[in-house]
Amino acid sequence: MTERLWFKIGETARLVGATPKELRYWEQVIPELKPRRSKGNLRYYHQEELANLQRIRQWLNEGLTVVDCRARLLGAAPGVSSRSKGDLGEVVEALQALHQRLSRPVGEKPAKVIKAKKPRHSQVPVSDERPVSSKPKVEPKAESKPKAEPSPLGRMWSQLRLPLDWDDL
């Protein structure tokens, strides 16, 4: 590299192969990236930080997310810190549904089933599944109200005739 120790955000972005906007976003997602600030609030990156930034750029090019890059910088496996247990349950359900759909014979149609959402604060048990009716419910159309007769002044305006005197009304 060069003999310089500190680089502005534009110079750092050029050396890393990113844009200044990307670097600012990385700072938001990865709080461990803390450039020094000048009195004028300009970002200055130290030469030692360039190696981490170049690694992040390489990982992003490989297809990882910025959160996964943070996990790698901290030493954890990518994706572990970014997902909660609730998210994984939904993923498992989706994978099981996909497996069932793919293991079905070609001509067989699936039974339509919609899972009912369980209310959060209700004490009444709700069944997990309910059949879907084949016919959609048709609601009757609302009757339209008859429009009121326009006033004489409104009729004149609609006929593009302006009232010039009160006698015209």
N, C-alpha and C. Protein backbone atom coordinates (compact mmCIF):
# COMPACT_ATOMS: atom_id res chain seq x y z
N MET A 1 0.83 -1.18 0.00
CA MET A 1 0.00 0.00 0.00
C MET A 1 0.88 1.24 0.00
N THR A 2 0.29 2.31 0.47
CA THR A 2 1.02 3.57 0.49
C THR A 2 1.57 3.83 1.89
N GLU A 3 2.28 4.92 2.01
CA GLU A 3 2.86 5.29 3.30
C GLU A 3 1.85 6.01 4.19
N ARG A 4 0.71 6.38 3.64
CA ARG A 4 -0.30 7.09 4.41
C ARG A 4 -0.97 6.15 5.41
N LEU A 5 -1.40 6.71 6.54
CA LEU A 5 -2.09 5.93 7.55
C LEU A 5 -3.60 6.15 7.54
N TRP A 6 -4.03 7.35 7.15
CA TRP A 6 -5.44 7.70 7.20
C TRP A 6 -5.95 8.06 5.81
N PHE A 7 -7.17 7.59 5.50
CA PHE A 7 -7.76 7.84 4.19
C PHE A 7 -9.18 8.36 4.37
N LYS A 8 -9.57 9.32 3.53
CA LYS A 8 -10.95 9.80 3.53
C LYS A 8 -11.85 8.71 2.96
N ILE A 9 -13.15 8.89 3.10
CA ILE A 9 -14.09 7.85 2.71
C ILE A 9 -14.05 7.58 1.20
N GLY A 10 -13.86 8.61 0.39
CA GLY A 10 -13.80 8.40 -1.05
C GLY A 10 -12.57 7.63 -1.46
N GLU A 11 -11.43 7.97 -0.84
CA GLU A 11 -10.19 7.23 -1.14
C GLU A 11 -10.30 5.79 -0.68
N THR A 12 -10.89 5.59 0.50
CA THR A 12 -11.06 4.23 1.03
C THR A 12 -11.96 3.41 0.12
N ALA A 13 -13.05 4.03 -0.32
CA ALA A 13 -13.98 3.33 -1.21
C ALA A 13 -13.28 2.91 -2.50
N ARG A 14 -12.45 3.79 -3.04
CA ARG A 14 -11.73 3.48 -4.27
C ARG A 14 -10.76 2.33 -4.04
N LEU A 15 -10.06 2.31 -2.90
CA LEU A 15 -9.10 1.25 -2.61
C LEU A 15 -9.79 -0.10 -2.36
N VAL A 16 -10.98 -0.06 -1.77
CA VAL A 16 -11.70 -1.28 -1.43
C VAL A 16 -12.50 -1.81 -2.62
N GLY A 17 -12.92 -0.92 -3.49
CA GLY A 17 -13.75 -1.33 -4.63
C GLY A 17 -15.23 -1.19 -4.31
N ALA A 18 -15.55 -0.21 -3.49
CA ALA A 18 -16.95 0.04 -3.11
C ALA A 18 -17.24 1.51 -3.35
N THR A 19 -18.45 1.91 -2.99
CA THR A 19 -18.82 3.33 -3.08
C THR A 19 -18.87 3.89 -1.66
N PRO A 20 -18.73 5.20 -1.50
CA PRO A 20 -18.86 5.78 -0.16
C PRO A 20 -20.22 5.47 0.47
N LYS A 21 -21.26 5.40 -0.34
CA LYS A 21 -22.59 5.07 0.18
C LYS A 21 -22.60 3.68 0.79
N GLU A 22 -21.94 2.73 0.14
CA GLU A 22 -21.85 1.37 0.68
C GLU A 22 -21.10 1.36 2.00
N LEU A 23 -20.01 2.09 2.08
CA LEU A 23 -19.24 2.14 3.32
C LEU A 23 -20.07 2.70 4.47
N ARG A 24 -20.84 3.76 4.19
CA ARG A 24 -21.70 4.32 5.24
C ARG A 24 -22.75 3.32 5.68
N TYR A 25 -23.29 2.53 4.73
CA TYR A 25 -24.27 1.50 5.08
C TYR A 25 -23.62 0.41 5.92
N TRP A 26 -22.42 -0.01 5.55
CA TRP A 26 -21.72 -1.03 6.32
C TRP A 26 -21.51 -0.58 7.76
N GLU A 27 -21.24 0.71 7.94
CA GLU A 27 -21.07 1.25 9.30
C GLU A 27 -22.34 1.10 10.12
N GLN A 28 -23.49 1.27 9.48
CA GLN A 28 -24.75 1.14 10.20
C GLN A 28 -25.00 -0.30 10.62
N VAL A 29 -24.72 -1.26 9.74
CA VAL A 29 -25.00 -2.66 10.01
C VAL A 29 -23.91 -3.30 10.86
N ILE A 30 -22.68 -2.88 10.67
CA ILE A 30 -21.55 -3.45 11.41
C ILE A 30 -20.99 -2.35 12.31
N PRO A 31 -21.46 -2.29 13.57
CA PRO A 31 -21.01 -1.21 14.44
C PRO A 31 -19.52 -1.28 14.79
N GLU A 32 -18.88 -2.42 14.52
CA GLU A 32 -17.44 -2.52 14.79
C GLU A 32 -16.61 -1.68 13.82
N LEU A 33 -17.19 -1.32 12.68
CA LEU A 33 -16.49 -0.43 11.75
C LEU A 33 -16.71 1.01 12.23
N LYS A 34 -15.72 1.57 12.84
CA LYS A 34 -15.84 2.94 13.37
C LYS A 34 -14.70 3.80 12.82
N PRO A 35 -14.96 4.51 11.74
CA PRO A 35 -13.91 5.42 11.27
C PRO A 35 -13.81 6.61 12.21
N ARG A 36 -12.64 7.19 12.25
CA ARG A 36 -12.46 8.41 13.04
C ARG A 36 -13.12 9.57 12.33
N ARG A 37 -13.56 10.54 13.11
CA ARG A 37 -14.20 11.73 12.54
C ARG A 37 -13.32 12.94 12.80
N SER A 38 -13.28 13.81 11.79
CA SER A 38 -12.54 15.06 11.95
C SER A 38 -13.46 16.10 12.59
N LYS A 39 -12.92 17.28 12.85
CA LYS A 39 -13.74 18.35 13.41
C LYS A 39 -14.86 18.74 12.45
N GLY A 40 -14.63 18.58 11.17
CA GLY A 40 -15.64 18.87 10.16
C GLY A 40 -16.56 17.68 9.89
N ASN A 41 -16.48 16.63 10.74
CA ASN A 41 -17.31 15.44 10.66
C ASN A 41 -17.03 14.59 9.42
N LEU A 42 -15.81 14.65 8.90
CA LEU A 42 -15.41 13.79 7.78
C LEU A 42 -14.91 12.46 8.32
N ARG A 43 -15.19 11.38 7.60
CA ARG A 43 -14.76 10.05 8.02
C ARG A 43 -13.33 9.81 7.55
N TYR A 44 -12.50 9.29 8.45
CA TYR A 44 -11.13 8.89 8.13
C TYR A 44 -10.93 7.45 8.56
N TYR A 45 -10.53 6.60 7.60
CA TYR A 45 -10.29 5.19 7.87
C TYR A 45 -8.79 4.96 8.01
N HIS A 46 -8.41 4.15 9.01
CA HIS A 46 -7.00 3.82 9.23
C HIS A 46 -6.61 2.70 8.27
N GLN A 47 -5.34 2.65 7.98
CA GLN A 47 -4.81 1.67 7.02
C GLN A 47 -5.12 0.24 7.47
N GLU A 48 -5.15 -0.01 8.77
CA GLU A 48 -5.43 -1.36 9.27
C GLU A 48 -6.88 -1.78 9.01
N GLU A 49 -7.79 -0.82 8.91
CA GLU A 49 -9.20 -1.14 8.65
C GLU A 49 -9.45 -1.54 7.20
N LEU A 50 -8.53 -1.17 6.32
CA LEU A 50 -8.71 -1.48 4.90
C LEU A 50 -8.78 -2.98 4.65
N ALA A 51 -8.02 -3.78 5.41
CA ALA A 51 -8.04 -5.24 5.22
C ALA A 51 -9.43 -5.80 5.52
N ASN A 52 -10.05 -5.34 6.63
CA ASN A 52 -11.41 -5.80 6.95
C ASN A 52 -12.40 -5.37 5.89
N LEU A 53 -12.28 -4.15 5.41
CA LEU A 53 -13.20 -3.65 4.38
C LEU A 53 -13.05 -4.44 3.08
N GLN A 54 -11.81 -4.80 2.74
CA GLN A 54 -11.60 -5.59 1.52
C GLN A 54 -12.17 -7.00 1.68
N ARG A 55 -12.07 -7.57 2.91
CA ARG A 55 -12.67 -8.88 3.16
C ARG A 55 -14.19 -8.82 3.02
N ILE A 56 -14.78 -7.75 3.56
CA ILE A 56 -16.23 -7.58 3.46
C ILE A 56 -16.64 -7.49 2.00
N ARG A 57 -15.90 -6.74 1.20
CA ARG A 57 -16.22 -6.60 -0.23
C ARG A 57 -16.14 -7.97 -0.91
N GLN A 58 -15.13 -8.77 -0.56
CA GLN A 58 -14.97 -10.09 -1.16
C GLN A 58 -16.13 -11.01 -0.76
N TRP A 59 -16.52 -10.98 0.50
CA TRP A 59 -17.63 -11.82 0.96
C TRP A 59 -18.95 -11.41 0.29
N LEU A 60 -19.14 -10.12 0.11
CA LEU A 60 -20.36 -9.66 -0.56
C LEU A 60 -20.38 -10.12 -2.01
N ASN A 61 -19.22 -10.12 -2.66
CA ASN A 61 -19.14 -10.61 -4.04
C ASN A 61 -19.41 -12.11 -4.12
N GLU A 62 -19.14 -12.84 -3.02
CA GLU A 62 -19.41 -14.27 -2.98
C GLU A 62 -20.88 -14.56 -2.72
N GLY A 63 -21.66 -13.54 -2.34
CA GLY A 63 -23.09 -13.73 -2.14
C GLY A 63 -23.56 -13.62 -0.71
N LEU A 64 -22.69 -13.32 0.22
CA LEU A 64 -23.11 -13.16 1.61
C LEU A 64 -23.79 -11.81 1.81
N THR A 65 -24.56 -11.69 2.89
CA THR A 65 -25.16 -10.41 3.23
C THR A 65 -24.23 -9.66 4.16
N VAL A 66 -24.52 -8.40 4.42
CA VAL A 66 -23.68 -7.60 5.30
C VAL A 66 -23.76 -8.13 6.73
N VAL A 67 -24.93 -8.63 7.12
CA VAL A 67 -25.08 -9.21 8.46
C VAL A 67 -24.21 -10.47 8.58
N ASP A 68 -24.17 -11.28 7.53
CA ASP A 68 -23.31 -12.47 7.54
C ASP A 68 -21.84 -12.07 7.61
N CYS A 69 -21.49 -10.99 6.94
CA CYS A 69 -20.10 -10.50 6.99
C CYS A 69 -19.74 -10.08 8.41
N ARG A 70 -20.70 -9.46 9.10
CA ARG A 70 -20.45 -9.06 10.49
C ARG A 70 -20.21 -10.31 11.34
N ALA A 71 -21.02 -11.35 11.13
CA ALA A 71 -20.85 -12.59 11.89
C ALA A 71 -19.47 -13.20 11.62
N ARG A 72 -19.03 -13.14 10.38
CA ARG A 72 -17.70 -13.68 10.06
C ARG A 72 -16.59 -12.85 10.71
N LEU A 73 -16.78 -11.54 10.73
CA LEU A 73 -15.77 -10.70 11.37
C LEU A 73 -15.70 -10.97 12.87
N LEU A 74 -16.84 -11.29 13.47
CA LEU A 74 -16.87 -11.58 14.90
C LEU A 74 -16.45 -13.02 15.20
N GLY A 75 -16.32 -13.85 14.16
CA GLY A 75 -15.85 -15.21 14.34
C GLY A 75 -16.94 -16.26 14.38
N ALA A 76 -18.20 -15.88 14.20
CA ALA A 76 -19.30 -16.85 14.20
C ALA A 76 -19.57 -17.30 12.78
N ALA A 77 -20.33 -18.36 12.66
CA ALA A 77 -20.71 -18.85 11.34
C ALA A 77 -21.72 -17.89 10.73
N PRO A 78 -21.68 -17.67 9.42
CA PRO A 78 -22.63 -16.74 8.80
C PRO A 78 -24.06 -17.23 8.93
N GLY A 79 -24.95 -16.30 9.23
CA GLY A 79 -26.36 -16.61 9.31
C GLY A 79 -26.83 -17.00 10.69
N VAL A 80 -25.94 -17.33 11.62
CA VAL A 80 -26.35 -17.79 12.94
C VAL A 80 -26.93 -16.65 13.74
N SER A 81 -26.28 -15.51 13.76
CA SER A 81 -26.75 -14.41 14.59
C SER A 81 -27.91 -13.66 13.96
N SER A 82 -28.14 -13.83 12.67
CA SER A 82 -29.16 -13.03 12.01
C SER A 82 -30.54 -13.67 12.04
N ARG A 83 -30.67 -14.94 12.47
CA ARG A 83 -31.96 -15.62 12.47
C ARG A 83 -32.34 -15.99 13.88
N SER A 84 -33.62 -15.87 14.17
CA SER A 84 -34.13 -16.30 15.47
C SER A 84 -34.82 -17.64 15.31
N LYS A 85 -35.19 -18.25 16.42
CA LYS A 85 -35.83 -19.56 16.37
C LYS A 85 -37.16 -19.51 15.64
N GLY A 86 -37.92 -18.43 15.80
CA GLY A 86 -39.22 -18.31 15.13
C GLY A 86 -39.08 -18.31 13.63
N ASP A 87 -38.05 -17.67 13.11
CA ASP A 87 -37.82 -17.64 11.68
C ASP A 87 -37.53 -19.03 11.13
N LEU A 88 -36.79 -19.82 11.89
CA LEU A 88 -36.43 -21.16 11.42
C LEU A 88 -37.65 -22.08 11.37
N GLY A 89 -38.60 -21.91 12.27
CA GLY A 89 -39.82 -22.71 12.24
C GLY A 89 -40.60 -22.49 10.96
N GLU A 90 -40.67 -21.23 10.52
CA GLU A 90 -41.36 -20.92 9.27
C GLU A 90 -40.63 -21.52 8.08
N VAL A 91 -39.31 -21.53 8.14
CA VAL A 91 -38.51 -22.10 7.05
C VAL A 91 -38.73 -23.60 6.99
N VAL A 92 -38.78 -24.26 8.15
CA VAL A 92 -39.00 -25.71 8.18
C VAL A 92 -40.37 -26.04 7.61
N GLU A 93 -41.41 -25.27 7.99
CA GLU A 93 -42.75 -25.51 7.45
C GLU A 93 -42.77 -25.34 5.94
N ALA A 94 -42.11 -24.32 5.45
CA ALA A 94 -42.08 -24.09 4.01
C ALA A 94 -41.36 -25.23 3.29
N LEU A 95 -40.28 -25.72 3.86
CA LEU A 95 -39.55 -26.83 3.24
C LEU A 95 -40.37 -28.11 3.25
N GLN A 96 -41.12 -28.36 4.34
CA GLN A 96 -41.96 -29.55 4.39
C GLN A 96 -43.08 -29.48 3.35
N ALA A 97 -43.68 -28.31 3.20
CA ALA A 97 -44.73 -28.14 2.20
C ALA A 97 -44.17 -28.36 0.80
N LEU A 98 -42.98 -27.85 0.55
CA LEU A 98 -42.34 -28.04 -0.76
C LEU A 98 -42.04 -29.51 -1.00
N HIS A 99 -41.57 -30.21 0.03
CA HIS A 99 -41.27 -31.63 -0.10
C HIS A 99 -42.54 -32.42 -0.43
N GLN A 100 -43.65 -32.09 0.24
CA GLN A 100 -44.91 -32.78 -0.03
C GLN A 100 -45.37 -32.51 -1.46
N ARG A 101 -45.21 -31.28 -1.89
CA ARG A 101 -45.65 -30.93 -3.25
C ARG A 101 -44.82 -31.65 -4.30
N LEU A 102 -43.52 -31.77 -4.07
CA LEU A 102 -42.65 -32.41 -5.05
C LEU A 102 -42.77 -33.93 -5.02
N SER A 103 -43.16 -34.51 -3.90
CA SER A 103 -43.25 -35.97 -3.81
C SER A 103 -44.59 -36.50 -4.32
N ARG A 104 -45.54 -35.65 -4.66
CA ARG A 104 -46.84 -36.04 -5.17
C ARG A 104 -46.71 -36.52 -6.62
N PRO A 105 -47.53 -37.50 -7.04
CA PRO A 105 -47.52 -37.91 -8.45
C PRO A 105 -47.92 -36.75 -9.35
N VAL A 106 -47.54 -36.83 -10.61
CA VAL A 106 -47.70 -35.72 -11.54
C VAL A 106 -49.15 -35.31 -11.73
N GLY A 107 -50.09 -36.23 -11.91
CA GLY A 107 -51.47 -35.88 -12.21
C GLY A 107 -52.30 -35.53 -10.99
N GLU A 108 -51.83 -35.80 -9.80
CA GLU A 108 -52.62 -35.60 -8.59
C GLU A 108 -52.66 -34.13 -8.19
N LYS A 109 -53.87 -33.66 -7.86
CA LYS A 109 -54.03 -32.28 -7.42
C LYS A 109 -53.98 -32.23 -5.90
N PRO A 110 -53.41 -31.17 -5.35
CA PRO A 110 -53.33 -31.08 -3.89
C PRO A 110 -54.68 -30.69 -3.29
N ALA A 111 -54.92 -31.12 -2.07
CA ALA A 111 -56.12 -30.69 -1.35
C ALA A 111 -55.86 -29.29 -0.83
N LYS A 112 -56.81 -28.40 -1.08
CA LYS A 112 -56.62 -27.02 -0.65
C LYS A 112 -56.89 -26.91 0.84
N VAL A 113 -55.92 -26.47 1.57
CA VAL A 113 -56.05 -26.31 3.02
C VAL A 113 -55.41 -24.99 3.40
N ILE A 114 -56.12 -24.24 4.20
CA ILE A 114 -55.58 -22.98 4.71
C ILE A 114 -55.40 -23.12 6.20
N LYS A 115 -54.25 -22.78 6.70
CA LYS A 115 -54.01 -22.83 8.13
C LYS A 115 -54.62 -21.61 8.78
N ALA A 116 -55.36 -21.86 9.83
CA ALA A 116 -55.98 -20.75 10.57
C ALA A 116 -54.94 -20.16 11.51
N LYS A 117 -54.93 -18.85 11.58
CA LYS A 117 -54.00 -18.19 12.49
C LYS A 117 -54.55 -18.27 13.90
N LYS A 118 -53.70 -18.57 14.84
CA LYS A 118 -54.11 -18.65 16.22
C LYS A 118 -54.11 -17.25 16.83
N PRO A 119 -55.19 -16.88 17.52
CA PRO A 119 -55.19 -15.57 18.16
C PRO A 119 -54.18 -15.55 19.30
N ARG A 120 -53.58 -14.42 19.51
CA ARG A 120 -52.51 -14.31 20.50
C ARG A 120 -53.03 -14.37 21.93
N HIS A 121 -54.13 -13.68 22.21
CA HIS A 121 -54.57 -13.54 23.59
C HIS A 121 -55.90 -14.23 23.85
N SER A 122 -56.30 -15.15 23.01
CA SER A 122 -57.56 -15.83 23.17
C SER A 122 -57.35 -17.13 23.92
N GLN A 123 -58.32 -17.50 24.77
CA GLN A 123 -58.23 -18.76 25.49
C GLN A 123 -59.00 -19.86 24.78
N VAL A 124 -59.71 -19.53 23.72
CA VAL A 124 -60.49 -20.51 22.98
C VAL A 124 -59.55 -21.21 22.01
N PRO A 125 -59.49 -22.55 22.07
CA PRO A 125 -58.61 -23.26 21.13
C PRO A 125 -59.14 -23.16 19.71
N VAL A 126 -58.22 -23.05 18.76
CA VAL A 126 -58.57 -22.93 17.35
C VAL A 126 -57.96 -24.12 16.64
N SER A 127 -58.73 -24.74 15.75
CA SER A 127 -58.18 -25.85 15.00
C SER A 127 -57.12 -25.33 14.04
N ASP A 128 -56.11 -26.17 13.78
CA ASP A 128 -54.99 -25.74 12.94
C ASP A 128 -55.36 -25.63 11.47
N GLU A 129 -56.28 -26.46 11.00
CA GLU A 129 -56.56 -26.47 9.58
C GLU A 129 -58.06 -26.43 9.35
N ARG A 130 -58.48 -25.82 8.26
CA ARG A 130 -59.88 -25.79 7.87
C ARG A 130 -59.96 -25.95 6.36
N PRO A 131 -60.96 -26.66 5.88
CA PRO A 131 -61.07 -26.82 4.42
C PRO A 131 -61.54 -25.53 3.77
N VAL A 132 -61.12 -25.37 2.55
CA VAL A 132 -61.51 -24.19 1.78
C VAL A 132 -62.64 -24.58 0.86
N SER A 133 -63.70 -23.78 0.85
CA SER A 133 -64.80 -24.08 -0.06
C SER A 133 -64.37 -23.76 -1.49
N SER A 134 -64.93 -24.53 -2.43
CA SER A 134 -64.52 -24.36 -3.82
C SER A 134 -65.17 -23.13 -4.45
N LYS A 135 -66.34 -22.71 -3.92
CA LYS A 135 -67.03 -21.57 -4.50
C LYS A 135 -66.74 -20.32 -3.67
N PRO A 136 -66.35 -19.25 -4.31
CA PRO A 136 -66.12 -18.02 -3.55
C PRO A 136 -67.45 -17.41 -3.12
N LYS A 137 -67.44 -16.77 -1.98
CA LYS A 137 -68.65 -16.13 -1.49
C LYS A 137 -68.93 -14.88 -2.32
N VAL A 138 -70.20 -14.75 -2.72
CA VAL A 138 -70.59 -13.59 -3.51
C VAL A 138 -71.45 -12.71 -2.62
N GLU A 139 -71.01 -11.50 -2.42
CA GLU A 139 -71.77 -10.57 -1.60
C GLU A 139 -72.66 -9.74 -2.50
N PRO A 140 -73.90 -9.45 -2.04
CA PRO A 140 -74.79 -8.63 -2.87
C PRO A 140 -74.24 -7.22 -3.00
N LYS A 141 -74.51 -6.63 -4.14
CA LYS A 141 -74.03 -5.27 -4.38
C LYS A 141 -74.89 -4.29 -3.60
N ALA A 142 -74.26 -3.26 -3.12
CA ALA A 142 -74.99 -2.24 -2.39
C ALA A 142 -75.85 -1.44 -3.37
N GLU A 143 -77.07 -1.14 -2.93
CA GLU A 143 -77.97 -0.39 -3.80
C GLU A 143 -77.49 1.05 -3.89
N SER A 144 -77.51 1.57 -5.10
CA SER A 144 -77.08 2.95 -5.27
C SER A 144 -78.22 3.88 -4.95
N LYS A 145 -77.91 4.96 -4.30
CA LYS A 145 -78.91 5.95 -3.92
C LYS A 145 -79.20 6.84 -5.12
N PRO A 146 -80.45 7.22 -5.30
CA PRO A 146 -80.74 8.13 -6.41
C PRO A 146 -80.12 9.49 -6.14
N LYS A 147 -79.59 10.09 -7.17
CA LYS A 147 -78.95 11.38 -7.02
C LYS A 147 -80.00 12.47 -6.90
N ALA A 148 -79.68 13.42 -6.05
CA ALA A 148 -80.61 14.54 -5.85
C ALA A 148 -80.63 15.43 -7.08
N GLU A 149 -81.74 16.04 -7.29
CA GLU A 149 -81.90 16.95 -8.43
C GLU A 149 -81.04 18.19 -8.17
N PRO A 150 -80.22 18.62 -9.16
CA PRO A 150 -79.38 19.80 -8.92
C PRO A 150 -80.24 21.06 -8.81
N SER A 151 -79.70 22.01 -8.10
CA SER A 151 -80.39 23.29 -7.91
C SER A 151 -80.42 24.05 -9.23
N PRO A 152 -81.25 25.08 -9.33
CA PRO A 152 -81.28 25.86 -10.58
C PRO A 152 -79.93 26.45 -10.91
N LEU A 153 -79.21 26.89 -9.87
CA LEU A 153 -77.88 27.45 -10.12
C LEU A 153 -76.93 26.38 -10.65
N GLY A 154 -77.02 25.16 -10.08
CA GLY A 154 -76.20 24.06 -10.56
C GLY A 154 -76.51 23.69 -11.99
N ARG A 155 -77.81 23.73 -12.37
CA ARG A 155 -78.18 23.42 -13.75
C ARG A 155 -77.59 24.45 -14.71
N MET A 156 -77.61 25.72 -14.30
CA MET A 156 -77.06 26.75 -15.17
C MET A 156 -75.56 26.57 -15.37
N TRP A 157 -74.87 26.24 -14.28
CA TRP A 157 -73.43 26.05 -14.40
C TRP A 157 -73.13 24.83 -15.27
N SER A 158 -73.92 23.79 -15.13
CA SER A 158 -73.67 22.60 -15.93
C SER A 158 -74.00 22.82 -17.40
N GLN A 159 -74.88 23.78 -17.70
CA GLN A 159 -75.23 24.08 -19.09
C GLN A 159 -74.34 25.19 -19.64
N LEU A 160 -73.32 25.52 -18.90
CA LEU A 160 -72.36 26.56 -19.28
C LEU A 160 -73.04 27.91 -19.50
N ARG A 161 -74.07 28.16 -18.73
CA ARG A 161 -74.75 29.43 -18.80
C ARG A 161 -74.61 30.09 -17.44
N LEU A 162 -74.09 31.27 -17.41
CA LEU A 162 -73.88 31.96 -16.16
C LEU A 162 -75.10 32.81 -15.82
N PRO A 163 -75.52 32.76 -14.56
CA PRO A 163 -76.63 33.64 -14.18
C PRO A 163 -76.16 35.06 -14.10
N LEU A 164 -76.79 35.93 -14.84
CA LEU A 164 -76.39 37.33 -14.86
C LEU A 164 -77.26 38.18 -13.95
N ASP A 165 -78.37 37.66 -13.57
CA ASP A 165 -79.27 38.43 -12.73
C ASP A 165 -80.00 37.44 -11.83
N TRP A 166 -80.50 37.90 -10.72
CA TRP A 166 -81.25 37.05 -9.82
C TRP A 166 -82.54 36.56 -10.49
N ASP A 167 -82.99 37.27 -11.48
CA ASP A 167 -84.21 36.84 -12.16
C ASP A 167 -83.98 35.57 -12.95
N ASP A 168 -82.74 35.31 -13.34
CA ASP A 168 -82.46 34.11 -14.12
C ASP A 168 -82.59 32.85 -13.28
N LEU A 169 -82.50 33.01 -11.97
CA LEU A 169 -82.61 31.84 -11.09
C LEU A 169 -84.01 31.45 -10.99
